[in-house]
Amino acid sequence: MKSIKILYWVGTGLLTAIMIFSIQMYFINTESIKATFIGLGYPSYLVYPLAVAKTLGLIAILLNFSKTLKEWAYAGFFFDIVLAFIAHLMIEDGGYLFSLVAFVALIISYFAGKKLRP
């Protein structure tokens, strides 16, 4: 059980670090991120709502005050990461590797967390 807990926190910590990096880039380097979104085929107006959604998702996962909300947060991160992976893969910019790391962290966090919950 202790190894599952360690695995959970490693996955969750990595996922959190990746999302915090992403969120701060959205707010600090907004114009560059908007240009990247356009290059990936997404509208630039998604930058701020996505940053807010990622922030709320991290809060839901880390504070664990609602099982349902936590499941929705994991689902939101799943779709965000998969869509980022596909978009980067399609334009062949190499950014998909970062998405792949985020996906592995998400899977580890989710399934290890499931094992810890009664």
N, C-alpha and C. Protein backbone atom coordinates (compact mmCIF):
# COMPACT_ATOMS: atom_id res chain seq x y z
N MET A 1 0.82 -1.19 0.00
CA MET A 1 0.00 0.00 0.00
C MET A 1 0.87 1.27 0.00
N LYS A 2 2.01 1.21 0.69
CA LYS A 2 2.90 2.37 0.74
C LYS A 2 3.47 2.68 -0.65
N SER A 3 3.81 1.63 -1.42
CA SER A 3 4.35 1.85 -2.76
C SER A 3 3.30 2.46 -3.69
N ILE A 4 2.05 2.09 -3.51
CA ILE A 4 0.95 2.67 -4.31
C ILE A 4 0.81 4.15 -3.96
N LYS A 5 0.92 4.47 -2.69
CA LYS A 5 0.81 5.86 -2.25
C LYS A 5 1.96 6.70 -2.84
N ILE A 6 3.16 6.15 -2.83
CA ILE A 6 4.31 6.85 -3.41
C ILE A 6 4.10 7.04 -4.91
N LEU A 7 3.64 5.99 -5.59
CA LEU A 7 3.37 6.06 -7.02
C LEU A 7 2.32 7.13 -7.32
N TYR A 8 1.27 7.16 -6.49
CA TYR A 8 0.21 8.16 -6.65
C TYR A 8 0.79 9.58 -6.57
N TRP A 9 1.60 9.82 -5.53
CA TRP A 9 2.13 11.17 -5.34
C TRP A 9 3.16 11.55 -6.38
N VAL A 10 3.91 10.58 -6.88
CA VAL A 10 4.87 10.88 -7.96
C VAL A 10 4.09 11.27 -9.23
N GLY A 11 3.08 10.47 -9.59
CA GLY A 11 2.26 10.77 -10.77
C GLY A 11 1.52 12.09 -10.63
N THR A 12 0.92 12.29 -9.45
CA THR A 12 0.15 13.52 -9.21
C THR A 12 1.07 14.73 -9.17
N GLY A 13 2.25 14.57 -8.57
CA GLY A 13 3.22 15.67 -8.52
C GLY A 13 3.69 16.07 -9.90
N LEU A 14 3.99 15.07 -10.73
CA LEU A 14 4.43 15.35 -12.10
C LEU A 14 3.31 16.00 -12.92
N LEU A 15 2.10 15.47 -12.79
CA LEU A 15 0.95 16.05 -13.49
C LEU A 15 0.74 17.50 -13.04
N THR A 16 0.82 17.73 -11.74
CA THR A 16 0.65 19.08 -11.19
C THR A 16 1.72 20.03 -11.72
N ALA A 17 2.96 19.57 -11.73
CA ALA A 17 4.06 20.42 -12.23
C ALA A 17 3.85 20.78 -13.70
N ILE A 18 3.45 19.80 -14.50
CA ILE A 18 3.22 20.05 -15.93
C ILE A 18 2.07 21.05 -16.12
N MET A 19 1.00 20.86 -15.37
CA MET A 19 -0.15 21.75 -15.51
C MET A 19 0.15 23.16 -15.00
N ILE A 20 0.90 23.26 -13.90
CA ILE A 20 1.27 24.59 -13.40
C ILE A 20 2.17 25.31 -14.40
N PHE A 21 3.11 24.58 -15.01
CA PHE A 21 3.94 25.17 -16.06
C PHE A 21 3.07 25.69 -17.19
N SER A 22 2.11 24.87 -17.61
CA SER A 22 1.20 25.25 -18.69
C SER A 22 0.38 26.49 -18.31
N ILE A 23 -0.19 26.47 -17.12
CA ILE A 23 -1.04 27.58 -16.66
C ILE A 23 -0.24 28.89 -16.61
N GLN A 24 0.95 28.84 -16.03
CA GLN A 24 1.73 30.09 -15.93
C GLN A 24 2.14 30.58 -17.31
N MET A 25 2.41 29.67 -18.24
CA MET A 25 2.73 30.10 -19.61
C MET A 25 1.53 30.78 -20.25
N TYR A 26 0.32 30.27 -19.99
CA TYR A 26 -0.88 30.87 -20.57
C TYR A 26 -1.07 32.30 -20.10
N PHE A 27 -0.73 32.57 -18.82
CA PHE A 27 -0.93 33.92 -18.27
C PHE A 27 0.26 34.84 -18.52
N ILE A 28 1.48 34.31 -18.51
CA ILE A 28 2.67 35.15 -18.63
C ILE A 28 3.07 35.38 -20.09
N ASN A 29 2.94 34.37 -20.91
CA ASN A 29 3.39 34.42 -22.30
C ASN A 29 2.20 34.27 -23.24
N THR A 30 1.15 35.01 -22.96
CA THR A 30 -0.14 34.84 -23.63
C THR A 30 -0.07 34.97 -25.15
N GLU A 31 0.59 35.97 -25.66
CA GLU A 31 0.62 36.18 -27.11
C GLU A 31 1.30 35.02 -27.83
N SER A 32 2.37 34.53 -27.28
CA SER A 32 3.07 33.39 -27.87
C SER A 32 2.21 32.13 -27.83
N ILE A 33 1.52 31.93 -26.71
CA ILE A 33 0.64 30.76 -26.56
C ILE A 33 -0.53 30.87 -27.53
N LYS A 34 -1.09 32.06 -27.69
CA LYS A 34 -2.18 32.24 -28.65
C LYS A 34 -1.71 31.90 -30.06
N ALA A 35 -0.51 32.32 -30.42
CA ALA A 35 0.04 31.99 -31.75
C ALA A 35 0.23 30.48 -31.88
N THR A 36 0.67 29.83 -30.82
CA THR A 36 0.83 28.37 -30.84
C THR A 36 -0.51 27.69 -31.03
N PHE A 37 -1.53 28.16 -30.30
CA PHE A 37 -2.88 27.59 -30.44
C PHE A 37 -3.36 27.70 -31.89
N ILE A 38 -3.16 28.87 -32.48
CA ILE A 38 -3.59 29.07 -33.87
C ILE A 38 -2.82 28.12 -34.79
N GLY A 39 -1.52 27.96 -34.55
CA GLY A 39 -0.71 27.04 -35.35
C GLY A 39 -1.14 25.59 -35.21
N LEU A 40 -1.70 25.27 -34.04
CA LEU A 40 -2.19 23.91 -33.81
C LEU A 40 -3.61 23.70 -34.35
N GLY A 41 -4.23 24.79 -34.79
CA GLY A 41 -5.58 24.69 -35.34
C GLY A 41 -6.68 24.96 -34.33
N TYR A 42 -6.32 25.49 -33.16
CA TYR A 42 -7.31 25.82 -32.14
C TYR A 42 -7.50 27.33 -32.08
N PRO A 43 -8.69 27.80 -31.71
CA PRO A 43 -8.90 29.25 -31.60
C PRO A 43 -8.14 29.82 -30.40
N SER A 44 -7.62 31.02 -30.56
CA SER A 44 -6.80 31.64 -29.52
C SER A 44 -7.61 32.04 -28.29
N TYR A 45 -8.93 32.20 -28.42
CA TYR A 45 -9.73 32.60 -27.27
C TYR A 45 -9.84 31.49 -26.21
N LEU A 46 -9.35 30.31 -26.51
CA LEU A 46 -9.38 29.22 -25.54
C LEU A 46 -8.29 29.31 -24.47
N VAL A 47 -7.32 30.18 -24.66
CA VAL A 47 -6.16 30.24 -23.75
C VAL A 47 -6.59 30.51 -22.31
N TYR A 48 -7.32 31.58 -22.05
CA TYR A 48 -7.69 31.90 -20.67
C TYR A 48 -8.68 30.91 -20.06
N PRO A 49 -9.76 30.53 -20.78
CA PRO A 49 -10.66 29.53 -20.18
C PRO A 49 -9.95 28.21 -19.88
N LEU A 50 -9.03 27.80 -20.72
CA LEU A 50 -8.29 26.56 -20.49
C LEU A 50 -7.38 26.69 -19.27
N ALA A 51 -6.76 27.84 -19.10
CA ALA A 51 -5.92 28.08 -17.92
C ALA A 51 -6.75 28.01 -16.64
N VAL A 52 -7.94 28.61 -16.66
CA VAL A 52 -8.82 28.57 -15.50
C VAL A 52 -9.31 27.14 -15.24
N ALA A 53 -9.69 26.44 -16.30
CA ALA A 53 -10.16 25.05 -16.15
C ALA A 53 -9.05 24.15 -15.58
N LYS A 54 -7.82 24.35 -16.05
CA LYS A 54 -6.70 23.55 -15.52
C LYS A 54 -6.46 23.87 -14.04
N THR A 55 -6.57 25.13 -13.68
CA THR A 55 -6.40 25.52 -12.28
C THR A 55 -7.47 24.86 -11.40
N LEU A 56 -8.71 24.93 -11.85
CA LEU A 56 -9.81 24.32 -11.09
C LEU A 56 -9.67 22.80 -11.03
N GLY A 57 -9.19 22.20 -12.12
CA GLY A 57 -8.97 20.76 -12.13
C GLY A 57 -7.92 20.33 -11.13
N LEU A 58 -6.83 21.08 -11.04
CA LEU A 58 -5.80 20.78 -10.05
C LEU A 58 -6.33 20.92 -8.63
N ILE A 59 -7.12 21.95 -8.40
CA ILE A 59 -7.72 22.14 -7.07
C ILE A 59 -8.61 20.94 -6.73
N ALA A 60 -9.42 20.50 -7.69
CA ALA A 60 -10.33 19.37 -7.45
C ALA A 60 -9.55 18.09 -7.14
N ILE A 61 -8.45 17.87 -7.83
CA ILE A 61 -7.66 16.65 -7.60
C ILE A 61 -6.90 16.73 -6.29
N LEU A 62 -6.24 17.84 -6.03
CA LEU A 62 -5.39 17.94 -4.85
C LEU A 62 -6.16 18.08 -3.55
N LEU A 63 -7.29 18.78 -3.56
CA LEU A 63 -8.05 18.96 -2.32
C LEU A 63 -9.03 17.82 -2.06
N ASN A 64 -9.40 17.10 -3.09
CA ASN A 64 -10.18 15.87 -2.94
C ASN A 64 -11.46 16.05 -2.10
N PHE A 65 -12.19 17.13 -2.35
CA PHE A 65 -13.41 17.35 -1.57
C PHE A 65 -14.66 16.76 -2.20
N SER A 66 -14.55 16.27 -3.42
CA SER A 66 -15.69 15.62 -4.08
C SER A 66 -15.17 14.56 -5.04
N LYS A 67 -15.62 13.33 -4.84
CA LYS A 67 -15.19 12.23 -5.69
C LYS A 67 -15.63 12.47 -7.14
N THR A 68 -16.84 12.94 -7.32
CA THR A 68 -17.36 13.20 -8.66
C THR A 68 -16.58 14.30 -9.36
N LEU A 69 -16.31 15.37 -8.64
CA LEU A 69 -15.56 16.49 -9.21
C LEU A 69 -14.14 16.06 -9.58
N LYS A 70 -13.55 15.21 -8.75
CA LYS A 70 -12.21 14.70 -9.02
C LYS A 70 -12.22 13.85 -10.30
N GLU A 71 -13.25 13.02 -10.49
CA GLU A 71 -13.37 12.21 -11.71
C GLU A 71 -13.50 13.11 -12.94
N TRP A 72 -14.29 14.17 -12.82
CA TRP A 72 -14.46 15.11 -13.93
C TRP A 72 -13.15 15.82 -14.25
N ALA A 73 -12.39 16.15 -13.22
CA ALA A 73 -11.11 16.82 -13.42
C ALA A 73 -10.15 15.90 -14.17
N TYR A 74 -10.09 14.64 -13.76
CA TYR A 74 -9.24 13.68 -14.48
C TYR A 74 -9.70 13.53 -15.93
N ALA A 75 -11.01 13.49 -16.14
CA ALA A 75 -11.54 13.37 -17.51
C ALA A 75 -11.15 14.60 -18.34
N GLY A 76 -11.26 15.77 -17.75
CA GLY A 76 -10.89 17.00 -18.45
C GLY A 76 -9.42 17.01 -18.83
N PHE A 77 -8.57 16.60 -17.90
CA PHE A 77 -7.14 16.52 -18.19
C PHE A 77 -6.86 15.47 -19.27
N PHE A 78 -7.59 14.36 -19.21
CA PHE A 78 -7.42 13.32 -20.22
C PHE A 78 -7.68 13.89 -21.62
N PHE A 79 -8.81 14.56 -21.79
CA PHE A 79 -9.14 15.11 -23.11
C PHE A 79 -8.17 16.21 -23.52
N ASP A 80 -7.79 17.06 -22.58
CA ASP A 80 -6.83 18.13 -22.87
C ASP A 80 -5.51 17.54 -23.37
N ILE A 81 -5.01 16.55 -22.67
CA ILE A 81 -3.71 15.96 -23.01
C ILE A 81 -3.78 15.19 -24.33
N VAL A 82 -4.85 14.42 -24.53
CA VAL A 82 -4.99 13.66 -25.78
C VAL A 82 -5.10 14.61 -26.97
N LEU A 83 -5.89 15.66 -26.84
CA LEU A 83 -6.03 16.61 -27.95
C LEU A 83 -4.73 17.35 -28.22
N ALA A 84 -3.99 17.69 -27.16
CA ALA A 84 -2.68 18.34 -27.34
C ALA A 84 -1.72 17.38 -28.04
N PHE A 85 -1.72 16.13 -27.63
CA PHE A 85 -0.85 15.12 -28.24
C PHE A 85 -1.13 15.00 -29.74
N ILE A 86 -2.40 14.85 -30.08
CA ILE A 86 -2.78 14.69 -31.48
C ILE A 86 -2.43 15.94 -32.30
N ALA A 87 -2.73 17.13 -31.74
CA ALA A 87 -2.44 18.38 -32.46
C ALA A 87 -0.95 18.52 -32.73
N HIS A 88 -0.12 18.26 -31.71
CA HIS A 88 1.33 18.38 -31.90
C HIS A 88 1.85 17.31 -32.87
N LEU A 89 1.29 16.13 -32.80
CA LEU A 89 1.70 15.05 -33.69
C LEU A 89 1.36 15.39 -35.14
N MET A 90 0.20 15.99 -35.36
CA MET A 90 -0.24 16.31 -36.72
C MET A 90 0.62 17.39 -37.37
N ILE A 91 1.10 18.36 -36.59
CA ILE A 91 1.92 19.40 -37.20
C ILE A 91 3.41 19.09 -37.09
N GLU A 92 3.71 17.97 -36.47
CA GLU A 92 5.09 17.47 -36.38
C GLU A 92 6.07 18.49 -35.81
N ASP A 93 5.71 19.07 -34.66
CA ASP A 93 6.61 20.05 -34.04
C ASP A 93 7.38 19.48 -32.85
N GLY A 94 7.18 18.22 -32.53
CA GLY A 94 7.89 17.58 -31.42
C GLY A 94 7.25 17.82 -30.06
N GLY A 95 6.25 18.67 -29.99
CA GLY A 95 5.58 18.96 -28.72
C GLY A 95 4.80 17.80 -28.16
N TYR A 96 4.58 16.80 -28.96
CA TYR A 96 3.81 15.65 -28.50
C TYR A 96 4.52 14.86 -27.41
N LEU A 97 5.85 14.97 -27.32
CA LEU A 97 6.59 14.25 -26.29
C LEU A 97 6.22 14.76 -24.89
N PHE A 98 6.05 16.06 -24.76
CA PHE A 98 5.63 16.65 -23.48
C PHE A 98 4.24 16.16 -23.11
N SER A 99 3.37 16.06 -24.11
CA SER A 99 2.02 15.55 -23.89
C SER A 99 2.05 14.09 -23.47
N LEU A 100 2.95 13.33 -24.04
CA LEU A 100 3.09 11.92 -23.70
C LEU A 100 3.50 11.75 -22.24
N VAL A 101 4.43 12.56 -21.78
CA VAL A 101 4.84 12.53 -20.37
C VAL A 101 3.66 12.88 -19.47
N ALA A 102 2.91 13.90 -19.85
CA ALA A 102 1.73 14.31 -19.08
C ALA A 102 0.70 13.18 -19.05
N PHE A 103 0.54 12.48 -20.16
CA PHE A 103 -0.43 11.38 -20.22
C PHE A 103 -0.02 10.25 -19.28
N VAL A 104 1.25 9.90 -19.27
CA VAL A 104 1.74 8.85 -18.36
C VAL A 104 1.53 9.27 -16.91
N ALA A 105 1.83 10.52 -16.59
CA ALA A 105 1.62 11.02 -15.22
C ALA A 105 0.15 10.96 -14.84
N LEU A 106 -0.72 11.33 -15.78
CA LEU A 106 -2.17 11.30 -15.54
C LEU A 106 -2.64 9.88 -15.26
N ILE A 107 -2.22 8.93 -16.06
CA ILE A 107 -2.63 7.53 -15.89
C ILE A 107 -2.14 6.98 -14.55
N ILE A 108 -0.89 7.27 -14.21
CA ILE A 108 -0.34 6.80 -12.93
C ILE A 108 -1.13 7.41 -11.77
N SER A 109 -1.35 8.72 -11.82
CA SER A 109 -2.08 9.40 -10.76
C SER A 109 -3.49 8.84 -10.62
N TYR A 110 -4.18 8.67 -11.73
CA TYR A 110 -5.57 8.23 -11.69
C TYR A 110 -5.70 6.81 -11.14
N PHE A 111 -4.96 5.88 -11.71
CA PHE A 111 -5.12 4.48 -11.33
C PHE A 111 -4.53 4.18 -9.95
N ALA A 112 -3.43 4.81 -9.59
CA ALA A 112 -2.90 4.64 -8.24
C ALA A 112 -3.86 5.24 -7.22
N GLY A 113 -4.43 6.38 -7.56
CA GLY A 113 -5.42 7.01 -6.69
C GLY A 113 -6.66 6.16 -6.52
N LYS A 114 -7.08 5.50 -7.56
CA LYS A 114 -8.23 4.59 -7.50
C LYS A 114 -7.96 3.45 -6.53
N LYS A 115 -6.74 2.91 -6.56
CA LYS A 115 -6.37 1.81 -5.66
C LYS A 115 -6.37 2.26 -4.19
N LEU A 116 -6.05 3.53 -3.96
CA LEU A 116 -5.99 4.04 -2.59
C LEU A 116 -7.37 4.34 -2.01
N ARG A 117 -8.32 4.63 -2.88
CA ARG A 117 -9.68 4.96 -2.41
C ARG A 117 -10.42 3.71 -2.02
N PRO A 118 -11.17 3.80 -0.94
CA PRO A 118 -11.96 2.62 -0.51
C PRO A 118 -13.13 2.34 -1.41
